[in-house]
Structure formats: C-alpha cells, structure tokens
Amino acid sequence: MAKSIFDLGLSVEAVSLFLLIEGQEVGKIDPDKNCTAKPESISIDGCLSKWNGEEKDFRSALVELEAAEAIKNSNSLLSTTKPDRWKTK
C-alpha cells in the first residue's frame, strides 16, 4: 500500500477511493506467475458498483485524485500512479 496517500491532504472519500482502486490492482496479480501478471482493467463503473457511499461523493473523490495525479483515468479505466508524481494540496 502506498502509505503516502495519507499525507496528501485529500478528503476521506478520495483516500477511500484510492484504496479501492489500489486494492483491485493488487488483488489481480497472480502469485503463481511470480507477480508478473498484469492486472485486469479497473473501470469507473466497476469501482462505482463497489462504492458504498453517494455517487456524488465518488465523483468528487475521482476528480480530487485526478487533480493530485494519484490516479490515471484513461477512457474510464483507472490505475494508480507512482507516489513521486503526486501533487500535495
């Protein structure tokens, strides 16, 4: 887990969404392939279906994470970025 996500000054919702995305990335790695398997795509719709809050909070968190460059959104497919790219508030 990228613990430095807690140091960015993001909202609770944004941190929660980041952890949701990161958890899906890590959960898709196949240890039988020496952790070299590529994760499956993580979509906005897929994350939204797992989100247990309001959709408006999800959308706000998504915007916040993109502004901090903590996630990459490529045509509604999400992935985390390396912490050295992140912008603090």
PDB file of N, CA and C in Angstrom:
ATOM      1  N   MET A   1       0.852  -1.181   0.000  1.00  0.00           N
ATOM      2  CA  MET A   1       0.000   0.000   0.000  1.00  0.00           C
ATOM      3  C   MET A   1       0.889   1.233   0.000  1.00  0.00           C
ATOM      4  N   ALA A   2       0.512   2.203  -0.792  1.00  0.00           N
ATOM      5  CA  ALA A   2       1.218   3.478  -0.848  1.00  0.00           C
ATOM      6  C   ALA A   2       0.760   4.337   0.331  1.00  0.00           C
ATOM      7  N   LYS A   3       1.439   4.190   1.464  1.00  0.00           N
ATOM      8  CA  LYS A   3       1.043   4.881   2.696  1.00  0.00           C
ATOM      9  C   LYS A   3       1.088   6.396   2.560  1.00  0.00           C
ATOM     10  N   SER A   4       1.861   6.896   1.635  1.00  0.00           N
ATOM     11  CA  SER A   4       1.969   8.343   1.472  1.00  0.00           C
ATOM     12  C   SER A   4       0.668   8.969   0.965  1.00  0.00           C
ATOM     13  N   ILE A   5      -0.306   8.160   0.570  1.00  0.00           N
ATOM     14  CA  ILE A   5      -1.602   8.710   0.160  1.00  0.00           C
ATOM     15  C   ILE A   5      -2.233   9.477   1.313  1.00  0.00           C
ATOM     16  N   PHE A   6      -1.922   9.072   2.546  1.00  0.00           N
ATOM     17  CA  PHE A   6      -2.485   9.726   3.720  1.00  0.00           C
ATOM     18  C   PHE A   6      -1.854  11.089   3.987  1.00  0.00           C
ATOM     19  N   ASP A   7      -0.733  11.371   3.348  1.00  0.00           N
ATOM     20  CA  ASP A   7      -0.020  12.631   3.568  1.00  0.00           C
ATOM     21  C   ASP A   7      -0.356  13.710   2.550  1.00  0.00           C
ATOM     22  N   LEU A   8      -1.251  13.424   1.618  1.00  0.00           N
ATOM     23  CA  LEU A   8      -1.567  14.390   0.559  1.00  0.00           C
ATOM     24  C   LEU A   8      -2.592  15.444   0.965  1.00  0.00           C
ATOM     25  N   GLY A   9      -3.259  15.243   2.068  1.00  0.00           N
ATOM     26  CA  GLY A   9      -4.286  16.195   2.482  1.00  0.00           C
ATOM     27  C   GLY A   9      -5.588  16.029   1.722  1.00  0.00           C
ATOM     28  N   LEU A  10      -5.841  14.822   1.228  1.00  0.00           N
ATOM     29  CA  LEU A  10      -7.061  14.545   0.471  1.00  0.00           C
ATOM     30  C   LEU A  10      -8.228  14.265   1.414  1.00  0.00           C
ATOM     31  N   SER A  11      -9.424  14.327   0.873  1.00  0.00           N
ATOM     32  CA  SER A  11     -10.620  14.004   1.651  1.00  0.00           C
ATOM     33  C   SER A  11     -10.641  12.514   1.988  1.00  0.00           C
ATOM     34  N   VAL A  12     -11.449  12.170   2.966  1.00  0.00           N
ATOM     35  CA  VAL A  12     -11.616  10.766   3.344  1.00  0.00           C
ATOM     36  C   VAL A  12     -12.128   9.961   2.153  1.00  0.00           C
ATOM     37  N   GLU A  13     -13.044  10.535   1.403  1.00  0.00           N
ATOM     38  CA  GLU A  13     -13.610   9.845   0.240  1.00  0.00           C
ATOM     39  C   GLU A  13     -12.541   9.580  -0.821  1.00  0.00           C
ATOM     40  N   ALA A  14     -11.669  10.556  -1.058  1.00  0.00           N
ATOM     41  CA  ALA A  14     -10.620  10.380  -2.065  1.00  0.00           C
ATOM     42  C   ALA A  14      -9.635   9.296  -1.641  1.00  0.00           C
ATOM     43  N   VAL A  15      -9.253   9.296  -0.379  1.00  0.00           N
ATOM     44  CA  VAL A  15      -8.343   8.256   0.116  1.00  0.00           C
ATOM     45  C   VAL A  15      -9.019   6.892   0.012  1.00  0.00           C
ATOM     46  N   SER A  16     -10.296   6.829   0.364  1.00  0.00           N
ATOM     47  CA  SER A  16     -11.037   5.570   0.280  1.00  0.00           C
ATOM     48  C   SER A  16     -11.094   5.057  -1.152  1.00  0.00           C
ATOM     49  N   LEU A  17     -11.350   5.953  -2.092  1.00  0.00           N
ATOM     50  CA  LEU A  17     -11.407   5.540  -3.496  1.00  0.00           C
ATOM     51  C   LEU A  17     -10.039   5.073  -3.974  1.00  0.00           C
ATOM     52  N   PHE A  18      -8.987   5.773  -3.578  1.00  0.00           N
ATOM     53  CA  PHE A  18      -7.648   5.349  -3.950  1.00  0.00           C
ATOM     54  C   PHE A  18      -7.380   3.932  -3.448  1.00  0.00           C
ATOM     55  N   LEU A  19      -7.730   3.675  -2.189  1.00  0.00           N
ATOM     56  CA  LEU A  19      -7.510   2.345  -1.613  1.00  0.00           C
ATOM     57  C   LEU A  19      -8.337   1.278  -2.322  1.00  0.00           C
ATOM     58  N   LEU A  20      -9.535   1.634  -2.748  1.00  0.00           N
ATOM     59  CA  LEU A  20     -10.373   0.710  -3.508  1.00  0.00           C
ATOM     60  C   LEU A  20      -9.713   0.353  -4.832  1.00  0.00           C
ATOM     61  N   ILE A  21      -9.223   1.365  -5.539  1.00  0.00           N
ATOM     62  CA  ILE A  21      -8.562   1.124  -6.830  1.00  0.00           C
ATOM     63  C   ILE A  21      -7.282   0.322  -6.628  1.00  0.00           C
ATOM     64  N   GLU A  22      -6.472   0.742  -5.668  1.00  0.00           N
ATOM     65  CA  GLU A  22      -5.212   0.052  -5.415  1.00  0.00           C
ATOM     66  C   GLU A  22      -5.449  -1.403  -5.004  1.00  0.00           C
ATOM     67  N   GLY A  23      -6.473  -1.633  -4.191  1.00  0.00           N
ATOM     68  CA  GLY A  23      -6.795  -2.988  -3.768  1.00  0.00           C
ATOM     69  C   GLY A  23      -7.176  -3.879  -4.934  1.00  0.00           C
ATOM     70  N   GLN A  24      -7.868  -3.321  -5.901  1.00  0.00           N
ATOM     71  CA  GLN A  24      -8.237  -4.112  -7.079  1.00  0.00           C
ATOM     72  C   GLN A  24      -7.013  -4.405  -7.937  1.00  0.00           C
ATOM     73  N   GLU A  25      -6.092  -3.453  -8.022  1.00  0.00           N
ATOM     74  CA  GLU A  25      -4.864  -3.692  -8.787  1.00  0.00           C
ATOM     75  C   GLU A  25      -4.056  -4.825  -8.162  1.00  0.00           C
ATOM     76  N   VAL A  26      -3.859  -4.765  -6.881  1.00  0.00           N
ATOM     77  CA  VAL A  26      -3.060  -5.761  -6.181  1.00  0.00           C
ATOM     78  C   VAL A  26      -3.765  -7.112  -6.175  1.00  0.00           C
ATOM     79  N   GLY A  27      -5.075  -7.101  -6.044  1.00  0.00           N
ATOM     80  CA  GLY A  27      -5.838  -8.338  -5.991  1.00  0.00           C
ATOM     81  C   GLY A  27      -5.833  -9.119  -7.285  1.00  0.00           C
ATOM     82  N   LYS A  28      -5.466  -8.510  -8.376  1.00  0.00           N
ATOM     83  CA  LYS A  28      -5.475  -9.182  -9.673  1.00  0.00           C
ATOM     84  C   LYS A  28      -4.135  -9.830 -10.005  1.00  0.00           C
ATOM     85  N   ILE A  29      -3.095  -9.573  -9.212  1.00  0.00           N
ATOM     86  CA  ILE A  29      -1.778 -10.128  -9.508  1.00  0.00           C
ATOM     87  C   ILE A  29      -1.759 -11.607  -9.147  1.00  0.00           C
ATOM     88  N   ASP A  30      -1.204 -12.407 -10.013  1.00  0.00           N
ATOM     89  CA  ASP A  30      -1.170 -13.858  -9.852  1.00  0.00           C
ATOM     90  C   ASP A  30       0.168 -14.295  -9.251  1.00  0.00           C
ATOM     91  N   PRO A  31       0.168 -14.715  -7.985  1.00  0.00           N
ATOM     92  CA  PRO A  31       1.437 -15.120  -7.368  1.00  0.00           C
ATOM     93  C   PRO A  31       2.065 -16.335  -8.035  1.00  0.00           C
ATOM     94  N   ASP A  32       1.275 -17.146  -8.735  1.00  0.00           N
ATOM     95  CA  ASP A  32       1.826 -18.303  -9.439  1.00  0.00           C
ATOM     96  C   ASP A  32       2.671 -17.883 -10.635  1.00  0.00           C
ATOM     97  N   LYS A  33       2.524 -16.654 -11.054  1.00  0.00           N
ATOM     98  CA  LYS A  33       3.320 -16.142 -12.164  1.00  0.00           C
ATOM     99  C   LYS A  33       4.382 -15.170 -11.650  1.00  0.00           C
ATOM    100  N   ASN A  34       4.796 -15.376 -10.412  1.00  0.00           N
ATOM    101  CA  ASN A  34       5.815 -14.538  -9.784  1.00  0.00           C
ATOM    102  C   ASN A  34       5.438 -13.063  -9.780  1.00  0.00           C
ATOM    103  N   CYS A  35       4.176 -12.797  -9.607  1.00  0.00           N
ATOM    104  CA  CYS A  35       3.651 -11.429  -9.512  1.00  0.00           C
ATOM    105  C   CYS A  35       3.908 -10.602 -10.771  1.00  0.00           C
ATOM    106  N   THR A  36       4.051 -11.254 -11.907  1.00  0.00           N
ATOM    107  CA  THR A  36       4.278 -10.514 -13.137  1.00  0.00           C
ATOM    108  C   THR A  36       3.016 -10.406 -13.987  1.00  0.00           C
ATOM    109  N   ALA A  37       1.949 -11.037 -13.530  1.00  0.00           N
ATOM    110  CA  ALA A  37       0.703 -10.962 -14.293  1.00  0.00           C
ATOM    111  C   ALA A  37       0.188  -9.527 -14.268  1.00  0.00           C
ATOM    112  N   LYS A  38      -0.302  -9.073 -15.375  1.00  0.00           N
ATOM    113  CA  LYS A  38      -0.857  -7.723 -15.449  1.00  0.00           C
ATOM    114  C   LYS A  38      -2.258  -7.718 -14.859  1.00  0.00           C
ATOM    115  N   PRO A  39      -2.577  -6.668 -14.091  1.00  0.00           N
ATOM    116  CA  PRO A  39      -3.922  -6.599 -13.519  1.00  0.00           C
ATOM    117  C   PRO A  39      -4.960  -6.379 -14.617  1.00  0.00           C
ATOM    118  N   GLU A  40      -6.165  -6.845 -14.354  1.00  0.00           N
ATOM    119  CA  GLU A  40      -7.253  -6.592 -15.285  1.00  0.00           C
ATOM    120  C   GLU A  40      -7.635  -5.123 -15.190  1.00  0.00           C
ATOM    121  N   SER A  41      -8.358  -4.660 -16.143  1.00  0.00           N
ATOM    122  CA  SER A  41      -8.786  -3.262 -16.156  1.00  0.00           C
ATOM    123  C   SER A  41      -9.709  -2.971 -14.981  1.00  0.00           C
ATOM    124  N   ILE A  42      -9.538  -1.790 -14.435  1.00  0.00           N
ATOM    125  CA  ILE A  42     -10.376  -1.316 -13.336  1.00  0.00           C
ATOM    126  C   ILE A  42     -11.157  -0.135 -13.878  1.00  0.00           C
ATOM    127  N   SER A  43     -12.461  -0.304 -13.969  1.00  0.00           N
ATOM    128  CA  SER A  43     -13.289   0.736 -14.584  1.00  0.00           C
ATOM    129  C   SER A  43     -13.974   1.598 -13.541  1.00  0.00           C
ATOM    130  N   ILE A  44     -14.381   2.776 -13.969  1.00  0.00           N
ATOM    131  CA  ILE A  44     -15.165   3.659 -13.108  1.00  0.00           C
ATOM    132  C   ILE A  44     -16.445   2.955 -12.695  1.00  0.00           C
ATOM    133  N   ASP A  45     -17.133   2.336 -13.651  1.00  0.00           N
ATOM    134  CA  ASP A  45     -18.383   1.640 -13.333  1.00  0.00           C
ATOM    135  C   ASP A  45     -18.159   0.510 -12.331  1.00  0.00           C
ATOM    136  N   GLY A  46     -17.063  -0.229 -12.488  1.00  0.00           N
ATOM    137  CA  GLY A  46     -16.752  -1.309 -11.565  1.00  0.00           C
ATOM    138  C   GLY A  46     -16.490  -0.798 -10.158  1.00  0.00           C
ATOM    139  N   CYS A  47     -15.761   0.306 -10.064  1.00  0.00           N
ATOM    140  CA  CYS A  47     -15.499   0.901  -8.750  1.00  0.00           C
ATOM    141  C   CYS A  47     -16.780   1.466  -8.152  1.00  0.00           C
ATOM    142  N   LEU A  48     -17.571   2.094  -8.981  1.00  0.00           N
ATOM    143  CA  LEU A  48     -18.827   2.680  -8.502  1.00  0.00           C
ATOM    144  C   LEU A  48     -19.757   1.593  -7.967  1.00  0.00           C
ATOM    145  N   SER A  49     -19.737   0.420  -8.563  1.00  0.00           N
ATOM    146  CA  SER A  49     -20.598  -0.664  -8.075  1.00  0.00           C
ATOM    147  C   SER A  49     -20.140  -1.180  -6.705  1.00  0.00           C
ATOM    148  N   LYS A  50     -18.866  -0.969  -6.368  1.00  0.00           N
ATOM    149  CA  LYS A  50     -18.343  -1.387  -5.069  1.00  0.00           C
ATOM    150  C   LYS A  50     -18.417  -0.262  -4.034  1.00  0.00           C
ATOM    151  N   TRP A  51     -18.584   0.949  -4.492  1.00  0.00           N
ATOM    152  CA  TRP A  51     -18.620   2.138  -3.637  1.00  0.00           C
ATOM    153  C   TRP A  51     -19.887   2.106  -2.798  1.00  0.00           C
ATOM    154  N   ASN A  52     -19.759   2.288  -1.491  1.00  0.00           N
ATOM    155  CA  ASN A  52     -20.952   2.206  -0.645  1.00  0.00           C
ATOM    156  C   ASN A  52     -21.418   3.571  -0.136  1.00  0.00           C
ATOM    157  N   GLY A  53     -20.975   4.616  -0.809  1.00  0.00           N
ATOM    158  CA  GLY A  53     -21.419   5.966  -0.471  1.00  0.00           C
ATOM    159  C   GLY A  53     -22.254   6.548  -1.597  1.00  0.00           C
ATOM    160  N   GLU A  54     -22.442   7.835  -1.525  1.00  0.00           N
ATOM    161  CA  GLU A  54     -23.199   8.549  -2.551  1.00  0.00           C
ATOM    162  C   GLU A  54     -22.375   8.674  -3.838  1.00  0.00           C
ATOM    163  N   GLU A  55     -23.049   8.621  -4.974  1.00  0.00           N
ATOM    164  CA  GLU A  55     -22.342   8.751  -6.250  1.00  0.00           C
ATOM    165  C   GLU A  55     -21.660  10.104  -6.372  1.00  0.00           C
ATOM    166  N   LYS A  56     -22.278  11.151  -5.854  1.00  0.00           N
ATOM    167  CA  LYS A  56     -21.663  12.493  -5.944  1.00  0.00           C
ATOM    168  C   LYS A  56     -20.345  12.532  -5.178  1.00  0.00           C
ATOM    169  N   ASP A  57     -20.261  11.804  -4.058  1.00  0.00           N
ATOM    170  CA  ASP A  57     -19.013  11.735  -3.302  1.00  0.00           C
ATOM    171  C   ASP A  57     -17.955  10.949  -4.073  1.00  0.00           C
ATOM    172  N   PHE A  58     -18.382   9.903  -4.762  1.00  0.00           N
ATOM    173  CA  PHE A  58     -17.479   9.127  -5.610  1.00  0.00           C
ATOM    174  C   PHE A  58     -16.909  10.023  -6.709  1.00  0.00           C
ATOM    175  N   ARG A  59     -17.775  10.765  -7.372  1.00  0.00           N
ATOM    176  CA  ARG A  59     -17.341  11.636  -8.481  1.00  0.00           C
ATOM    177  C   ARG A  59     -16.394  12.724  -7.976  1.00  0.00           C
ATOM    178  N   SER A  60     -16.689  13.292  -6.821  1.00  0.00           N
ATOM    179  CA  SER A  60     -15.808  14.312  -6.236  1.00  0.00           C
ATOM    180  C   SER A  60     -14.444  13.720  -5.894  1.00  0.00           C
ATOM    181  N   ALA A  61     -14.449  12.522  -5.330  1.00  0.00           N
ATOM    182  CA  ALA A  61     -13.205  11.843  -4.974  1.00  0.00           C
ATOM    183  C   ALA A  61     -12.384  11.544  -6.224  1.00  0.00           C
ATOM    184  N   LEU A  62     -13.041  11.145  -7.283  1.00  0.00           N
ATOM    185  CA  LEU A  62     -12.373  10.853  -8.542  1.00  0.00           C
ATOM    186  C   LEU A  62     -11.676  12.103  -9.083  1.00  0.00           C
ATOM    187  N   VAL A  63     -12.378  13.223  -9.071  1.00  0.00           N
ATOM    188  CA  VAL A  63     -11.805  14.494  -9.530  1.00  0.00           C
ATOM    189  C   VAL A  63     -10.609  14.881  -8.660  1.00  0.00           C
ATOM    190  N   GLU A  64     -10.754  14.714  -7.365  1.00  0.00           N
ATOM    191  CA  GLU A  64      -9.688  15.053  -6.423  1.00  0.00           C
ATOM    192  C   GLU A  64      -8.438  14.205  -6.663  1.00  0.00           C
ATOM    193  N   LEU A  65      -8.624  12.917  -6.868  1.00  0.00           N
ATOM    194  CA  LEU A  65      -7.490  12.028  -7.119  1.00  0.00           C
ATOM    195  C   LEU A  65      -6.813  12.337  -8.449  1.00  0.00           C
ATOM    196  N   GLU A  66      -7.598  12.671  -9.451  1.00  0.00           N
ATOM    197  CA  GLU A  66      -7.020  13.036 -10.742  1.00  0.00           C
ATOM    198  C   GLU A  66      -6.229  14.340 -10.629  1.00  0.00           C
ATOM    199  N   ALA A  67      -6.754  15.304  -9.889  1.00  0.00           N
ATOM    200  CA  ALA A  67      -6.062  16.587  -9.707  1.00  0.00           C
ATOM    201  C   ALA A  67      -4.732  16.395  -8.974  1.00  0.00           C
ATOM    202  N   ALA A  68      -4.701  15.456  -8.033  1.00  0.00           N
ATOM    203  CA  ALA A  68      -3.477  15.159  -7.293  1.00  0.00           C
ATOM    204  C   ALA A  68      -2.544  14.240  -8.082  1.00  0.00           C
ATOM    205  N   GLU A  69      -2.997  13.794  -9.242  1.00  0.00           N
ATOM    206  CA  GLU A  69      -2.274  12.857 -10.103  1.00  0.00           C
ATOM    207  C   GLU A  69      -1.935  11.553  -9.379  1.00  0.00           C
ATOM    208  N   ALA A  70      -2.803  11.157  -8.447  1.00  0.00           N
ATOM    209  CA  ALA A  70      -2.630   9.890  -7.732  1.00  0.00           C
ATOM    210  C   ALA A  70      -3.212   8.733  -8.528  1.00  0.00           C
ATOM    211  N   ILE A  71      -4.129   9.049  -9.448  1.00  0.00           N
ATOM    212  CA  ILE A  71      -4.671   8.027 -10.339  1.00  0.00           C
ATOM    213  C   ILE A  71      -4.628   8.534 -11.767  1.00  0.00           C
ATOM    214  N   LYS A  72      -4.687   7.602 -12.668  1.00  0.00           N
ATOM    215  CA  LYS A  72      -4.754   7.904 -14.096  1.00  0.00           C
ATOM    216  C   LYS A  72      -6.103   7.399 -14.594  1.00  0.00           C
ATOM    217  N   ASN A  73      -6.795   8.225 -15.342  1.00  0.00           N
ATOM    218  CA  ASN A  73      -8.096   7.867 -15.905  1.00  0.00           C
ATOM    219  C   ASN A  73      -7.957   7.882 -17.422  1.00  0.00           C
ATOM    220  N   SER A  74      -7.944   6.710 -18.001  1.00  0.00           N
ATOM    221  CA  SER A  74      -7.830   6.581 -19.455  1.00  0.00           C
ATOM    222  C   SER A  74      -9.117   5.988 -20.000  1.00  0.00           C
ATOM    223  N   ASN A  75      -9.976   6.857 -20.516  1.00  0.00           N
ATOM    224  CA  ASN A  75     -11.253   6.407 -21.071  1.00  0.00           C
ATOM    225  C   ASN A  75     -12.049   5.555 -20.078  1.00  0.00           C
ATOM    226  N   SER A  76     -12.161   6.044 -18.852  1.00  0.00           N
ATOM    227  CA  SER A  76     -12.909   5.404 -17.760  1.00  0.00           C
ATOM    228  C   SER A  76     -12.236   4.161 -17.188  1.00  0.00           C
ATOM    229  N   LEU A  77     -10.984   3.902 -17.557  1.00  0.00           N
ATOM    230  CA  LEU A  77     -10.197   2.834 -16.950  1.00  0.00           C
ATOM    231  C   LEU A  77      -9.201   3.483 -15.994  1.00  0.00           C
ATOM    232  N   LEU A  78      -9.193   3.006 -14.766  1.00  0.00           N
ATOM    233  CA  LEU A  78      -8.423   3.649 -13.708  1.00  0.00           C
ATOM    234  C   LEU A  78      -7.200   2.840 -13.322  1.00  0.00           C
ATOM    235  N   SER A  79      -6.149   3.560 -12.927  1.00  0.00           N
ATOM    236  CA  SER A  79      -4.962   2.922 -12.365  1.00  0.00           C
ATOM    237  C   SER A  79      -4.286   3.928 -11.449  1.00  0.00           C
ATOM    238  N   THR A  80      -3.552   3.413 -10.477  1.00  0.00           N
ATOM    239  CA  THR A  80      -2.818   4.300  -9.585  1.00  0.00           C
ATOM    240  C   THR A  80      -1.506   4.701 -10.261  1.00  0.00           C
ATOM    241  N   THR A  81      -0.937   5.785  -9.798  1.00  0.00           N
ATOM    242  CA  THR A  81       0.353   6.243 -10.307  1.00  0.00           C
ATOM    243  C   THR A  81       1.381   6.125  -9.193  1.00  0.00           C
ATOM    244  N   LYS A  82       2.631   6.313  -9.538  1.00  0.00           N
ATOM    245  CA  LYS A  82       3.696   6.245  -8.545  1.00  0.00           C
ATOM    246  C   LYS A  82       3.671   7.488  -7.662  1.00  0.00           C
ATOM    247  N   PRO A  83       3.935   7.303  -6.375  1.00  0.00           N
ATOM    248  CA  PRO A  83       3.868   8.432  -5.437  1.00  0.00           C
ATOM    249  C   PRO A  83       4.755   9.630  -5.792  1.00  0.00           C
ATOM    250  N   ASP A  84       5.838   9.423  -6.523  1.00  0.00           N
ATOM    251  CA  ASP A  84       6.699  10.561  -6.864  1.00  0.00           C
ATOM    252  C   ASP A  84       6.043  11.526  -7.858  1.00  0.00           C
ATOM    253  N   ARG A  85       4.915  11.144  -8.437  1.00  0.00           N
ATOM    254  CA  ARG A  85       4.163  12.021  -9.365  1.00  0.00           C
ATOM    255  C   ARG A  85       3.085  12.833  -8.656  1.00  0.00           C
ATOM    256  N   TRP A  86       2.740  12.452  -7.439  1.00  0.00           N
ATOM    257  CA  TRP A  86       1.608  13.041  -6.745  1.00  0.00           C
ATOM    258  C   TRP A  86       1.842  14.496  -6.370  1.00  0.00           C
ATOM    259  N   LYS A  87       0.766  15.263  -6.399  1.00  0.00           N
ATOM    260  CA  LYS A  87       0.806  16.669  -6.011  1.00  0.00           C
ATOM    261  C   LYS A  87       0.092  16.831  -4.676  1.00  0.00           C
ATOM    262  N   THR A  88       0.714  17.556  -3.770  1.00  0.00           N
ATOM    263  CA  THR A  88       0.071  17.819  -2.485  1.00  0.00           C
ATOM    264  C   THR A  88      -0.772  19.092  -2.590  1.00  0.00           C
ATOM    265  N   LYS A  89      -1.693  19.221  -1.675  1.00  0.00           N
ATOM    266  CA  LYS A  89      -2.560  20.410  -1.655  1.00  0.00           C
ATOM    267  C   LYS A  89      -1.811  21.593  -1.094  1.00  0.00           C
TER     268      LYS A  89
END
